[in-house]
Amino acid sequence: MDIISLVDNMSEDMYLRLKCAAETGKWPEGTVVDLAQKTSALQIIMAYQSRHLNSDEILTVGADGQIVDKTKRELKTQFANLNDKPENNIARFSDL
């Protein structure tokens, strides 16, 4: 099975398990992830993100498989729009 077929048929729960393993170095139940598993998990989660997630993160993999990054202007606009919503009000540091 190729990686695209794998991610097209993979559940979100499996994606989250793989993401946890890649981010923390441990499977959700606490077992340590070896280097080969981590490498495979990273490849699979990147493919999954490109096929299934419409991410607003700064750096992600687009549907075409290319890395998508946002400019400083795009980020400022995105965060300015978040500040307009009361549920997003958080403590902020003043400009230094």
PDB file of N, CA and C in Angstrom:
ATOM      1  N   MET A   1       0.855  -1.182   0.000  1.00  0.00           N
ATOM      2  CA  MET A   1       0.000   0.000   0.000  1.00  0.00           C
ATOM      3  C   MET A   1       0.895   1.237   0.000  1.00  0.00           C
ATOM      4  N   ASP A   2       0.598   2.180  -0.893  1.00  0.00           N
ATOM      5  CA  ASP A   2       1.390   3.406  -0.926  1.00  0.00           C
ATOM      6  C   ASP A   2       0.883   4.389   0.134  1.00  0.00           C
ATOM      7  N   ILE A   3       1.685   5.395   0.409  1.00  0.00           N
ATOM      8  CA  ILE A   3       1.376   6.327   1.502  1.00  0.00           C
ATOM      9  C   ILE A   3       0.084   7.116   1.249  1.00  0.00           C
ATOM     10  N   ILE A   4      -0.220   7.428  -0.002  1.00  0.00           N
ATOM     11  CA  ILE A   4      -1.443   8.185  -0.302  1.00  0.00           C
ATOM     12  C   ILE A   4      -2.675   7.333  -0.014  1.00  0.00           C
ATOM     13  N   SER A   5      -2.647   6.069  -0.417  1.00  0.00           N
ATOM     14  CA  SER A   5      -3.762   5.166  -0.107  1.00  0.00           C
ATOM     15  C   SER A   5      -3.912   5.014   1.401  1.00  0.00           C
ATOM     16  N   LEU A   6      -2.782   4.945   2.081  1.00  0.00           N
ATOM     17  CA  LEU A   6      -2.800   4.814   3.533  1.00  0.00           C
ATOM     18  C   LEU A   6      -3.510   5.996   4.185  1.00  0.00           C
ATOM     19  N   VAL A   7      -3.098   7.223   3.849  1.00  0.00           N
ATOM     20  CA  VAL A   7      -3.694   8.391   4.500  1.00  0.00           C
ATOM     21  C   VAL A   7      -5.124   8.643   4.039  1.00  0.00           C
ATOM     22  N   ASP A   8      -5.460   8.228   2.826  1.00  0.00           N
ATOM     23  CA  ASP A   8      -6.842   8.393   2.368  1.00  0.00           C
ATOM     24  C   ASP A   8      -7.800   7.510   3.160  1.00  0.00           C
ATOM     25  N   ASN A   9      -7.300   6.395   3.691  1.00  0.00           N
ATOM     26  CA  ASN A   9      -8.137   5.453   4.433  1.00  0.00           C
ATOM     27  C   ASN A   9      -7.883   5.478   5.939  1.00  0.00           C
ATOM     28  N   MET A  10      -7.031   6.389   6.400  1.00  0.00           N
ATOM     29  CA  MET A  10      -6.662   6.437   7.805  1.00  0.00           C
ATOM     30  C   MET A  10      -7.674   7.244   8.608  1.00  0.00           C
ATOM     31  N   SER A  11      -7.966   6.781   9.818  1.00  0.00           N
ATOM     32  CA  SER A  11      -8.896   7.499  10.692  1.00  0.00           C
ATOM     33  C   SER A  11      -8.198   8.693  11.353  1.00  0.00           C
ATOM     34  N   GLU A  12      -8.989   9.626  11.809  1.00  0.00           N
ATOM     35  CA  GLU A  12      -8.435  10.778  12.520  1.00  0.00           C
ATOM     36  C   GLU A  12      -7.770  10.340  13.824  1.00  0.00           C
ATOM     37  N   ASP A  13      -8.335   9.319  14.484  1.00  0.00           N
ATOM     38  CA  ASP A  13      -7.733   8.807  15.716  1.00  0.00           C
ATOM     39  C   ASP A  13      -6.317   8.287  15.472  1.00  0.00           C
ATOM     40  N   MET A  14      -6.117   7.589  14.361  1.00  0.00           N
ATOM     41  CA  MET A  14      -4.791   7.082  14.037  1.00  0.00           C
ATOM     42  C   MET A  14      -3.844   8.243  13.734  1.00  0.00           C
ATOM     43  N   TYR A  15      -4.331   9.252  13.019  1.00  0.00           N
ATOM     44  CA  TYR A  15      -3.530  10.449  12.753  1.00  0.00           C
ATOM     45  C   TYR A  15      -3.075  11.085  14.062  1.00  0.00           C
ATOM     46  N   LEU A  16      -3.995  11.213  15.020  1.00  0.00           N
ATOM     47  CA  LEU A  16      -3.659  11.842  16.298  1.00  0.00           C
ATOM     48  C   LEU A  16      -2.651  11.003  17.082  1.00  0.00           C
ATOM     49  N   ARG A  17      -2.745   9.681  17.002  1.00  0.00           N
ATOM     50  CA  ARG A  17      -1.759   8.803  17.655  1.00  0.00           C
ATOM     51  C   ARG A  17      -0.373   9.003  17.042  1.00  0.00           C
ATOM     52  N   LEU A  18      -0.326   9.043  15.720  1.00  0.00           N
ATOM     53  CA  LEU A  18       0.953   9.240  15.035  1.00  0.00           C
ATOM     54  C   LEU A  18       1.530  10.616  15.327  1.00  0.00           C
ATOM     55  N   LYS A  19       0.668  11.621  15.371  1.00  0.00           N
ATOM     56  CA  LYS A  19       1.114  12.986  15.669  1.00  0.00           C
ATOM     57  C   LYS A  19       1.701  13.056  17.077  1.00  0.00           C
ATOM     58  N   CYS A  20       1.022  12.431  18.031  1.00  0.00           N
ATOM     59  CA  CYS A  20       1.522  12.379  19.408  1.00  0.00           C
ATOM     60  C   CYS A  20       2.899  11.709  19.451  1.00  0.00           C
ATOM     61  N   ALA A  21       3.036  10.598  18.736  1.00  0.00           N
ATOM     62  CA  ALA A  21       4.310   9.866  18.718  1.00  0.00           C
ATOM     63  C   ALA A  21       5.431  10.722  18.133  1.00  0.00           C
ATOM     64  N   ALA A  22       5.133  11.432  17.054  1.00  0.00           N
ATOM     65  CA  ALA A  22       6.155  12.260  16.412  1.00  0.00           C
ATOM     66  C   ALA A  22       6.527  13.469  17.276  1.00  0.00           C
ATOM     67  N   GLU A  23       5.541  14.052  17.952  1.00  0.00           N
ATOM     68  CA  GLU A  23       5.792  15.256  18.752  1.00  0.00           C
ATOM     69  C   GLU A  23       6.478  14.956  20.076  1.00  0.00           C
ATOM     70  N   THR A  24       6.079  13.877  20.737  1.00  0.00           N
ATOM     71  CA  THR A  24       6.574  13.606  22.094  1.00  0.00           C
ATOM     72  C   THR A  24       7.648  12.536  22.162  1.00  0.00           C
ATOM     73  N   GLY A  25       7.767  11.723  21.101  1.00  0.00           N
ATOM     74  CA  GLY A  25       8.723  10.625  21.135  1.00  0.00           C
ATOM     75  C   GLY A  25       8.187   9.405  21.866  1.00  0.00           C
ATOM     76  N   LYS A  26       6.894   9.444  22.205  1.00  0.00           N
ATOM     77  CA  LYS A  26       6.249   8.317  22.886  1.00  0.00           C
ATOM     78  C   LYS A  26       4.870   8.104  22.291  1.00  0.00           C
ATOM     79  N   TRP A  27       4.437   6.839  22.276  1.00  0.00           N
ATOM     80  CA  TRP A  27       3.072   6.542  21.890  1.00  0.00           C
ATOM     81  C   TRP A  27       2.159   7.006  23.012  1.00  0.00           C
ATOM     82  N   PRO A  28       0.878   7.247  22.734  1.00  0.00           N
ATOM     83  CA  PRO A  28      -0.026   7.739  23.781  1.00  0.00           C
ATOM     84  C   PRO A  28      -0.014   6.912  25.066  1.00  0.00           C
ATOM     85  N   GLU A  29       0.233   5.599  24.968  1.00  0.00           N
ATOM     86  CA  GLU A  29       0.262   4.767  26.181  1.00  0.00           C
ATOM     87  C   GLU A  29       1.610   4.793  26.886  1.00  0.00           C
ATOM     88  N   GLY A  30       2.599   5.529  26.333  1.00  0.00           N
ATOM     89  CA  GLY A  30       3.874   5.743  27.011  1.00  0.00           C
ATOM     90  C   GLY A  30       5.068   4.999  26.452  1.00  0.00           C
ATOM     91  N   THR A  31       4.869   4.086  25.526  1.00  0.00           N
ATOM     92  CA  THR A  31       5.969   3.344  24.924  1.00  0.00           C
ATOM     93  C   THR A  31       6.833   4.288  24.082  1.00  0.00           C
ATOM     94  N   VAL A  32       8.145   4.162  24.209  1.00  0.00           N
ATOM     95  CA  VAL A  32       9.075   5.021  23.476  1.00  0.00           C
ATOM     96  C   VAL A  32       9.034   4.691  21.983  1.00  0.00           C
ATOM     97  N   VAL A  33       9.085   5.731  21.162  1.00  0.00           N
ATOM     98  CA  VAL A  33       9.085   5.603  19.703  1.00  0.00           C
ATOM     99  C   VAL A  33      10.539   5.551  19.241  1.00  0.00           C
ATOM    100  N   ASP A  34      10.873   4.538  18.434  1.00  0.00           N
ATOM    101  CA  ASP A  34      12.248   4.500  17.922  1.00  0.00           C
ATOM    102  C   ASP A  34      12.376   5.416  16.702  1.00  0.00           C
ATOM    103  N   LEU A  35      13.593   5.633  16.249  1.00  0.00           N
ATOM    104  CA  LEU A  35      13.862   6.602  15.179  1.00  0.00           C
ATOM    105  C   LEU A  35      13.133   6.249  13.884  1.00  0.00           C
ATOM    106  N   ALA A  36      13.111   4.973  13.525  1.00  0.00           N
ATOM    107  CA  ALA A  36      12.431   4.567  12.289  1.00  0.00           C
ATOM    108  C   ALA A  36      10.929   4.835  12.380  1.00  0.00           C
ATOM    109  N   GLN A  37      10.337   4.559  13.557  1.00  0.00           N
ATOM    110  CA  GLN A  37       8.912   4.827  13.749  1.00  0.00           C
ATOM    111  C   GLN A  37       8.625   6.327  13.673  1.00  0.00           C
ATOM    112  N   LYS A  38       9.499   7.119  14.275  1.00  0.00           N
ATOM    113  CA  LYS A  38       9.298   8.565  14.271  1.00  0.00           C
ATOM    114  C   LYS A  38       9.383   9.122  12.854  1.00  0.00           C
ATOM    115  N   THR A  39      10.350   8.641  12.097  1.00  0.00           N
ATOM    116  CA  THR A  39      10.498   9.072  10.705  1.00  0.00           C
ATOM    117  C   THR A  39       9.265   8.725   9.892  1.00  0.00           C
ATOM    118  N   SER A  40       8.775   7.502  10.041  1.00  0.00           N
ATOM    119  CA  SER A  40       7.569   7.074   9.323  1.00  0.00           C
ATOM    120  C   SER A  40       6.357   7.881   9.771  1.00  0.00           C
ATOM    121  N   ALA A  41       6.232   8.102  11.077  1.00  0.00           N
ATOM    122  CA  ALA A  41       5.098   8.869  11.608  1.00  0.00           C
ATOM    123  C   ALA A  41       5.092  10.282  11.041  1.00  0.00           C
ATOM    124  N   LEU A  42       6.258  10.911  10.977  1.00  0.00           N
ATOM    125  CA  LEU A  42       6.342  12.267  10.427  1.00  0.00           C
ATOM    126  C   LEU A  42       5.891  12.313   8.971  1.00  0.00           C
ATOM    127  N   GLN A  43       6.342  11.348   8.192  1.00  0.00           N
ATOM    128  CA  GLN A  43       5.951  11.306   6.779  1.00  0.00           C
ATOM    129  C   GLN A  43       4.442  11.105   6.636  1.00  0.00           C
ATOM    130  N   ILE A  44       3.895  10.220   7.437  1.00  0.00           N
ATOM    131  CA  ILE A  44       2.465   9.928   7.351  1.00  0.00           C
ATOM    132  C   ILE A  44       1.629  11.116   7.811  1.00  0.00           C
ATOM    133  N   ILE A  45       2.025  11.766   8.907  1.00  0.00           N
ATOM    134  CA  ILE A  45       1.201  12.900   9.368  1.00  0.00           C
ATOM    135  C   ILE A  45       1.290  14.082   8.402  1.00  0.00           C
ATOM    136  N   MET A  46       2.444  14.269   7.772  1.00  0.00           N
ATOM    137  CA  MET A  46       2.536  15.342   6.780  1.00  0.00           C
ATOM    138  C   MET A  46       1.642  15.050   5.575  1.00  0.00           C
ATOM    139  N   ALA A  47       1.623  13.804   5.149  1.00  0.00           N
ATOM    140  CA  ALA A  47       0.747  13.421   4.035  1.00  0.00           C
ATOM    141  C   ALA A  47      -0.722  13.558   4.439  1.00  0.00           C
ATOM    142  N   TYR A  48      -1.050  13.151   5.658  1.00  0.00           N
ATOM    143  CA  TYR A  48      -2.429  13.259   6.143  1.00  0.00           C
ATOM    144  C   TYR A  48      -2.860  14.726   6.187  1.00  0.00           C
ATOM    145  N   GLN A  49      -1.985  15.582   6.729  1.00  0.00           N
ATOM    146  CA  GLN A  49      -2.306  17.008   6.811  1.00  0.00           C
ATOM    147  C   GLN A  49      -2.540  17.600   5.427  1.00  0.00           C
ATOM    148  N   SER A  50      -1.741  17.196   4.470  1.00  0.00           N
ATOM    149  CA  SER A  50      -1.891  17.758   3.125  1.00  0.00           C
ATOM    150  C   SER A  50      -3.174  17.282   2.452  1.00  0.00           C
ATOM    151  N   ARG A  51      -3.650  16.091   2.804  1.00  0.00           N
ATOM    152  CA  ARG A  51      -4.851  15.533   2.170  1.00  0.00           C
ATOM    153  C   ARG A  51      -6.144  15.887   2.895  1.00  0.00           C
ATOM    154  N   HIS A  52      -6.086  16.055   4.228  1.00  0.00           N
ATOM    155  CA  HIS A  52      -7.317  16.150   5.006  1.00  0.00           C
ATOM    156  C   HIS A  52      -7.510  17.443   5.799  1.00  0.00           C
ATOM    157  N   LEU A  53      -6.447  18.135   6.139  1.00  0.00           N
ATOM    158  CA  LEU A  53      -6.591  19.283   7.032  1.00  0.00           C
ATOM    159  C   LEU A  53      -6.452  20.591   6.273  1.00  0.00           C
ATOM    160  N   ASN A  54      -7.304  21.526   6.611  1.00  0.00           N
ATOM    161  CA  ASN A  54      -7.208  22.879   6.074  1.00  0.00           C
ATOM    162  C   ASN A  54      -6.643  23.727   7.205  1.00  0.00           C
ATOM    163  N   SER A  55      -5.329  23.720   7.316  1.00  0.00           N
ATOM    164  CA  SER A  55      -4.655  24.292   8.471  1.00  0.00           C
ATOM    165  C   SER A  55      -4.433  25.792   8.334  1.00  0.00           C
ATOM    166  N   ASP A  56      -4.535  26.496   9.484  1.00  0.00           N
ATOM    167  CA  ASP A  56      -4.216  27.914   9.521  1.00  0.00           C
ATOM    168  C   ASP A  56      -2.898  28.145  10.259  1.00  0.00           C
ATOM    169  N   GLU A  57      -2.099  27.100  10.388  1.00  0.00           N
ATOM    170  CA  GLU A  57      -0.821  27.227  11.057  1.00  0.00           C
ATOM    171  C   GLU A  57       0.169  27.991  10.178  1.00  0.00           C
ATOM    172  N   ILE A  58       1.204  28.513  10.801  1.00  0.00           N
ATOM    173  CA  ILE A  58       2.203  29.316  10.098  1.00  0.00           C
ATOM    174  C   ILE A  58       2.891  28.515   9.004  1.00  0.00           C
ATOM    175  N   LEU A  59       3.243  27.285   9.306  1.00  0.00           N
ATOM    176  CA  LEU A  59       3.954  26.435   8.358  1.00  0.00           C
ATOM    177  C   LEU A  59       3.244  25.099   8.304  1.00  0.00           C
ATOM    178  N   THR A  60       2.855  24.684   7.126  1.00  0.00           N
ATOM    179  CA  THR A  60       2.155  23.423   6.956  1.00  0.00           C
ATOM    180  C   THR A  60       2.430  22.878   5.566  1.00  0.00           C
ATOM    181  N   VAL A  61       1.891  21.724   5.279  1.00  0.00           N
ATOM    182  CA  VAL A  61       2.024  21.127   3.957  1.00  0.00           C
ATOM    183  C   VAL A  61       0.695  21.286   3.239  1.00  0.00           C
ATOM    184  N   GLY A  62       0.722  21.888   2.061  1.00  0.00           N
ATOM    185  CA  GLY A  62      -0.496  22.120   1.297  1.00  0.00           C
ATOM    186  C   GLY A  62      -0.996  20.873   0.608  1.00  0.00           C
ATOM    187  N   ALA A  63      -2.191  20.954   0.037  1.00  0.00           N
ATOM    188  CA  ALA A  63      -2.808  19.818  -0.645  1.00  0.00           C
ATOM    189  C   ALA A  63      -1.960  19.335  -1.819  1.00  0.00           C
ATOM    190  N   ASP A  64      -1.154  20.229  -2.373  1.00  0.00           N
ATOM    191  CA  ASP A  64      -0.299  19.844  -3.502  1.00  0.00           C
ATOM    192  C   ASP A  64       1.037  19.248  -3.053  1.00  0.00           C
ATOM    193  N   GLY A  65       1.224  19.113  -1.724  1.00  0.00           N
ATOM    194  CA  GLY A  65       2.452  18.532  -1.196  1.00  0.00           C
ATOM    195  C   GLY A  65       3.561  19.535  -0.966  1.00  0.00           C
ATOM    196  N   GLN A  66       3.329  20.789  -1.291  1.00  0.00           N
ATOM    197  CA  GLN A  66       4.333  21.831  -1.109  1.00  0.00           C
ATOM    198  C   GLN A  66       4.189  22.468   0.271  1.00  0.00           C
ATOM    199  N   ILE A  67       5.302  22.927   0.838  1.00  0.00           N
ATOM    200  CA  ILE A  67       5.267  23.606   2.125  1.00  0.00           C
ATOM    201  C   ILE A  67       4.632  24.978   1.942  1.00  0.00           C
ATOM    202  N   VAL A  68       3.673  25.285   2.817  1.00  0.00           N
ATOM    203  CA  VAL A  68       2.981  26.567   2.770  1.00  0.00           C
ATOM    204  C   VAL A  68       3.399  27.362   3.996  1.00  0.00           C
ATOM    205  N   ASP A  69       3.897  28.560   3.771  1.00  0.00           N
ATOM    206  CA  ASP A  69       4.212  29.433   4.891  1.00  0.00           C
ATOM    207  C   ASP A  69       3.490  30.753   4.692  1.00  0.00           C
ATOM    208  N   LYS A  70       3.290  31.468   5.782  1.00  0.00           N
ATOM    209  CA  LYS A  70       2.558  32.728   5.713  1.00  0.00           C
ATOM    210  C   LYS A  70       3.517  33.889   5.923  1.00  0.00           C
ATOM    211  N   THR A  71       3.211  34.990   5.247  1.00  0.00           N
ATOM    212  CA  THR A  71       4.031  36.186   5.407  1.00  0.00           C
ATOM    213  C   THR A  71       3.686  36.866   6.722  1.00  0.00           C
ATOM    214  N   LYS A  72       4.533  37.784   7.121  1.00  0.00           N
ATOM    215  CA  LYS A  72       4.289  38.530   8.350  1.00  0.00           C
ATOM    216  C   LYS A  72       2.968  39.298   8.245  1.00  0.00           C
ATOM    217  N   ARG A  73       2.681  39.848   7.085  1.00  0.00           N
ATOM    218  CA  ARG A  73       1.436  40.598   6.874  1.00  0.00           C
ATOM    219  C   ARG A  73       0.216  39.684   7.039  1.00  0.00           C
ATOM    220  N   GLU A  74       0.279  38.487   6.456  1.00  0.00           N
ATOM    221  CA  GLU A  74      -0.833  37.537   6.581  1.00  0.00           C
ATOM    222  C   GLU A  74      -1.060  37.150   8.040  1.00  0.00           C
ATOM    223  N   LEU A  75       0.027  36.935   8.782  1.00  0.00           N
ATOM    224  CA  LEU A  75      -0.100  36.577  10.188  1.00  0.00           C
ATOM    225  C   LEU A  75      -0.690  37.715  11.002  1.00  0.00           C
ATOM    226  N   LYS A  76      -0.236  38.948  10.740  1.00  0.00           N
ATOM    227  CA  LYS A  76      -0.780  40.099  11.463  1.00  0.00           C
ATOM    228  C   LYS A  76      -2.273  40.243  11.216  1.00  0.00           C
ATOM    229  N   THR A  77      -2.695  40.067   9.968  1.00  0.00           N
ATOM    230  CA  THR A  77      -4.118  40.141   9.630  1.00  0.00           C
ATOM    231  C   THR A  77      -4.886  39.040  10.333  1.00  0.00           C
ATOM    232  N   GLN A  78      -4.359  37.839  10.314  1.00  0.00           N
ATOM    233  CA  GLN A  78      -5.027  36.709  10.960  1.00  0.00           C
ATOM    234  C   GLN A  78      -5.182  36.960  12.453  1.00  0.00           C
ATOM    235  N   PHE A  79      -4.125  37.422  13.119  1.00  0.00           N
ATOM    236  CA  PHE A  79      -4.191  37.638  14.556  1.00  0.00           C
ATOM    237  C   PHE A  79      -5.028  38.862  14.906  1.00  0.00           C
ATOM    238  N   ALA A  80      -5.041  39.867  14.050  1.00  0.00           N
ATOM    239  CA  ALA A  80      -5.893  41.036  14.289  1.00  0.00           C
ATOM    240  C   ALA A  80      -7.356  40.623  14.259  1.00  0.00           C
ATOM    241  N   ASN A  81      -7.711  39.745  13.328  1.00  0.00           N
ATOM    242  CA  ASN A  81      -9.089  39.256  13.248  1.00  0.00           C
ATOM    243  C   ASN A  81      -9.464  38.434  14.476  1.00  0.00           C
ATOM    244  N   LEU A  82      -8.515  37.708  15.038  1.00  0.00           N
ATOM    245  CA  LEU A  82      -8.782  36.926  16.245  1.00  0.00           C
ATOM    246  C   LEU A  82      -9.062  37.826  17.437  1.00  0.00           C
ATOM    247  N   ASN A  83      -8.381  38.976  17.506  1.00  0.00           N
ATOM    248  CA  ASN A  83      -8.558  39.893  18.629  1.00  0.00           C
ATOM    249  C   ASN A  83      -9.941  40.520  18.657  1.00  0.00           C
ATOM    250  N   ASP A  84     -10.641  40.515  17.533  1.00  0.00           N
ATOM    251  CA  ASP A  84     -11.969  41.110  17.467  1.00  0.00           C
ATOM    252  C   ASP A  84     -13.028  40.239  18.133  1.00  0.00           C
ATOM    253  N   LYS A  85     -12.690  38.999  18.431  1.00  0.00           N
ATOM    254  CA  LYS A  85     -13.652  38.065  19.018  1.00  0.00           C
ATOM    255  C   LYS A  85     -13.423  37.979  20.520  1.00  0.00           C
ATOM    256  N   PRO A  86     -14.458  38.187  21.333  1.00  0.00           N
ATOM    257  CA  PRO A  86     -14.302  38.176  22.793  1.00  0.00           C
ATOM    258  C   PRO A  86     -13.733  36.865  23.348  1.00  0.00           C
ATOM    259  N   GLU A  87     -14.077  35.726  22.718  1.00  0.00           N
ATOM    260  CA  GLU A  87     -13.586  34.445  23.231  1.00  0.00           C
ATOM    261  C   GLU A  87     -12.087  34.281  23.041  1.00  0.00           C
ATOM    262  N   ASN A  88     -11.468  35.146  22.257  1.00  0.00           N
ATOM    263  CA  ASN A  88     -10.032  35.064  22.011  1.00  0.00           C
ATOM    264  C   ASN A  88      -9.235  36.079  22.813  1.00  0.00           C
ATOM    265  N   ASN A  89      -9.890  36.799  23.716  1.00  0.00           N
ATOM    266  CA  ASN A  89      -9.170  37.774  24.525  1.00  0.00           C
ATOM    267  C   ASN A  89      -8.294  37.048  25.533  1.00  0.00           C
ATOM    268  N   ILE A  90      -7.008  37.303  25.459  1.00  0.00           N
ATOM    269  CA  ILE A  90      -6.052  36.720  26.386  1.00  0.00           C
ATOM    270  C   ILE A  90      -5.100  37.820  26.824  1.00  0.00           C
ATOM    271  N   ALA A  91      -4.344  37.546  27.878  1.00  0.00           N
ATOM    272  CA  ALA A  91      -3.373  38.520  28.341  1.00  0.00           C
ATOM    273  C   ALA A  91      -2.310  38.720  27.275  1.00  0.00           C
ATOM    274  N   ARG A  92      -1.947  39.943  27.024  1.00  0.00           N
ATOM    275  CA  ARG A  92      -0.941  40.258  26.008  1.00  0.00           C
ATOM    276  C   ARG A  92       0.128  41.153  26.629  1.00  0.00           C
ATOM    277  N   PHE A  93       1.339  41.007  26.144  1.00  0.00           N
ATOM    278  CA  PHE A  93       2.420  41.878  26.572  1.00  0.00           C
ATOM    279  C   PHE A  93       2.359  43.157  25.757  1.00  0.00           C
ATOM    280  N   SER A  94       2.730  44.272  26.355  1.00  0.00           N
ATOM    281  CA  SER A  94       2.771  45.521  25.606  1.00  0.00           C
ATOM    282  C   SER A  94       3.986  45.515  24.700  1.00  0.00           C
ATOM    283  N   ASP A  95       3.974  46.371  23.706  1.00  0.00           N
ATOM    284  CA  ASP A  95       5.127  46.482  22.815  1.00  0.00           C
ATOM    285  C   ASP A  95       6.303  47.033  23.602  1.00  0.00           C
ATOM    286  N   LEU A  96       7.430  46.402  23.479  1.00  0.00           N
ATOM    287  CA  LEU A  96       8.619  46.833  24.219  1.00  0.00           C
ATOM    288  C   LEU A  96       9.479  47.720  23.338  1.00  0.00           C
TER     289      LEU A  96
END
